[in-house]
Amino acid sequence: MKHDISEIKSIIKEYIMQHFLQSKQIETITDKTPLMSNRLLDSISTIHLIDFLEKKFNIEFEAHEVDKDNFENISIIAEFVNRKL
């Protein structure tokens, strides 16, 4: 199933907001908000996000792909998922 980039971003943002953020953080998160640098995602939450993305989009991540370069913000994650599709 093909998704456009804005749909991918929306799916990722909704998941992150529902599972990892407190209400005060939800108001300030954007597609460019640093998730790992700002410690909004830690190693455990990143694993949960990866599991969700793999199931939702029917893709697989290699261990070496799971790093700050690919998971720093929603835009970067969405582009990475889009390339995997």
C-alpha atoms as a PDB file:
ATOM      1  CA  MET A   1       0.000   0.000   0.000  1.00  0.00           C
ATOM      2  CA  LYS A   2       1.407   3.353  -1.042  1.00  0.00           C
ATOM      3  CA  HIS A   3       1.387   6.299   1.354  1.00  0.00           C
ATOM      4  CA  ASP A   4       2.313   9.888   0.641  1.00  0.00           C
ATOM      5  CA  ILE A   5       4.869  11.606   2.847  1.00  0.00           C
ATOM      6  CA  SER A   6       2.329  13.793   4.659  1.00  0.00           C
ATOM      7  CA  GLU A   7       0.278  10.721   5.560  1.00  0.00           C
ATOM      8  CA  ILE A   8       3.407   8.957   6.853  1.00  0.00           C
ATOM      9  CA  LYS A   9       4.298  12.011   8.969  1.00  0.00           C
ATOM     10  CA  SER A  10       0.789  12.147  10.375  1.00  0.00           C
ATOM     11  CA  ILE A  11       0.823   8.454  11.328  1.00  0.00           C
ATOM     12  CA  ILE A  12       4.227   8.781  13.017  1.00  0.00           C
ATOM     13  CA  LYS A  13       3.291  11.976  14.861  1.00  0.00           C
ATOM     14  CA  GLU A  14       0.029  10.512  16.143  1.00  0.00           C
ATOM     15  CA  TYR A  15       1.798   7.388  17.410  1.00  0.00           C
ATOM     16  CA  ILE A  16       4.528   9.384  19.161  1.00  0.00           C
ATOM     17  CA  MET A  17       2.020  11.766  20.747  1.00  0.00           C
ATOM     18  CA  GLN A  18      -0.204   8.950  22.004  1.00  0.00           C
ATOM     19  CA  HIS A  19       2.539   6.742  23.373  1.00  0.00           C
ATOM     20  CA  PHE A  20       5.520   8.824  24.447  1.00  0.00           C
ATOM     21  CA  LEU A  21       4.633  12.453  25.138  1.00  0.00           C
ATOM     22  CA  GLN A  22       3.018  14.220  28.034  1.00  0.00           C
ATOM     23  CA  SER A  23       0.233  16.706  27.293  1.00  0.00           C
ATOM     24  CA  LYS A  24       2.491  19.770  27.599  1.00  0.00           C
ATOM     25  CA  GLN A  25       4.918  18.294  25.063  1.00  0.00           C
ATOM     26  CA  ILE A  26       2.180  17.485  22.537  1.00  0.00           C
ATOM     27  CA  GLU A  27       1.400  21.176  22.072  1.00  0.00           C
ATOM     28  CA  THR A  28       4.946  21.976  20.989  1.00  0.00           C
ATOM     29  CA  ILE A  29       5.920  19.031  18.798  1.00  0.00           C
ATOM     30  CA  THR A  30       6.444  19.691  15.099  1.00  0.00           C
ATOM     31  CA  ASP A  31       7.822  17.625  12.218  1.00  0.00           C
ATOM     32  CA  LYS A  32      11.259  19.110  12.952  1.00  0.00           C
ATOM     33  CA  THR A  33      11.288  18.781  16.757  1.00  0.00           C
ATOM     34  CA  PRO A  34      14.445  16.877  17.779  1.00  0.00           C
ATOM     35  CA  LEU A  35      13.147  13.681  19.332  1.00  0.00           C
ATOM     36  CA  MET A  36      16.356  11.964  20.382  1.00  0.00           C
ATOM     37  CA  SER A  37      18.425  15.066  21.162  1.00  0.00           C
ATOM     38  CA  ASN A  38      15.608  16.423  23.338  1.00  0.00           C
ATOM     39  CA  ARG A  39      15.192  12.991  24.932  1.00  0.00           C
ATOM     40  CA  LEU A  40      11.574  12.726  23.834  1.00  0.00           C
ATOM     41  CA  LEU A  41      12.504   9.289  22.494  1.00  0.00           C
ATOM     42  CA  ASP A  42      14.830   7.050  24.463  1.00  0.00           C
ATOM     43  CA  SER A  43      16.149   3.653  23.428  1.00  0.00           C
ATOM     44  CA  ILE A  44      13.072   1.755  24.645  1.00  0.00           C
ATOM     45  CA  SER A  45      10.563   4.121  23.029  1.00  0.00           C
ATOM     46  CA  THR A  46      12.577   4.008  19.806  1.00  0.00           C
ATOM     47  CA  ILE A  47      12.318   0.208  19.800  1.00  0.00           C
ATOM     48  CA  HIS A  48       8.555   0.472  20.260  1.00  0.00           C
ATOM     49  CA  LEU A  49       8.344   3.020  17.436  1.00  0.00           C
ATOM     50  CA  ILE A  50      10.372   0.767  15.138  1.00  0.00           C
ATOM     51  CA  ASP A  51       8.131  -2.188  15.936  1.00  0.00           C
ATOM     52  CA  PHE A  52       5.059  -0.073  15.150  1.00  0.00           C
ATOM     53  CA  LEU A  53       6.524   1.221  11.877  1.00  0.00           C
ATOM     54  CA  GLU A  54       7.585  -2.228  10.709  1.00  0.00           C
ATOM     55  CA  LYS A  55       4.096  -3.614  11.314  1.00  0.00           C
ATOM     56  CA  LYS A  56       2.185  -0.581  10.048  1.00  0.00           C
ATOM     57  CA  PHE A  57       4.128  -0.212   6.791  1.00  0.00           C
ATOM     58  CA  ASN A  58       5.240  -3.824   6.339  1.00  0.00           C
ATOM     59  CA  ILE A  59       8.927  -2.879   6.249  1.00  0.00           C
ATOM     60  CA  GLU A  60      12.043  -4.009   8.103  1.00  0.00           C
ATOM     61  CA  PHE A  61      14.827  -1.970   9.629  1.00  0.00           C
ATOM     62  CA  GLU A  62      18.396  -3.219   9.852  1.00  0.00           C
ATOM     63  CA  ALA A  63      20.162  -2.737  13.190  1.00  0.00           C
ATOM     64  CA  HIS A  64      22.676  -0.296  11.676  1.00  0.00           C
ATOM     65  CA  GLU A  65      19.820   1.905  10.365  1.00  0.00           C
ATOM     66  CA  VAL A  66      18.447   2.631  13.819  1.00  0.00           C
ATOM     67  CA  ASP A  67      20.365   5.722  14.836  1.00  0.00           C
ATOM     68  CA  LYS A  68      19.995   9.448  15.348  1.00  0.00           C
ATOM     69  CA  ASP A  69      20.521  10.119  11.646  1.00  0.00           C
ATOM     70  CA  ASN A  70      17.303   8.260  10.772  1.00  0.00           C
ATOM     71  CA  PHE A  71      15.201   8.910  13.899  1.00  0.00           C
ATOM     72  CA  GLU A  72      15.949  12.473  14.993  1.00  0.00           C
ATOM     73  CA  ASN A  73      12.617  14.018  13.985  1.00  0.00           C
ATOM     74  CA  ILE A  74       9.299  13.139  12.388  1.00  0.00           C
ATOM     75  CA  SER A  75      10.307  14.456   8.957  1.00  0.00           C
ATOM     76  CA  ILE A  76      13.486  12.377   8.915  1.00  0.00           C
ATOM     77  CA  ILE A  77      11.642   9.259  10.109  1.00  0.00           C
ATOM     78  CA  ALA A  78       8.927   9.741   7.462  1.00  0.00           C
ATOM     79  CA  GLU A  79      11.500  10.144   4.667  1.00  0.00           C
ATOM     80  CA  PHE A  80      13.305   7.038   5.901  1.00  0.00           C
ATOM     81  CA  VAL A  81      10.057   5.024   5.975  1.00  0.00           C
ATOM     82  CA  ASN A  82       9.170   6.343   2.512  1.00  0.00           C
ATOM     83  CA  ARG A  83      12.506   5.116   1.130  1.00  0.00           C
ATOM     84  CA  LYS A  84      11.858   1.704   2.695  1.00  0.00           C
ATOM     85  CA  LEU A  85       8.492   1.501   0.964  1.00  0.00           C
END
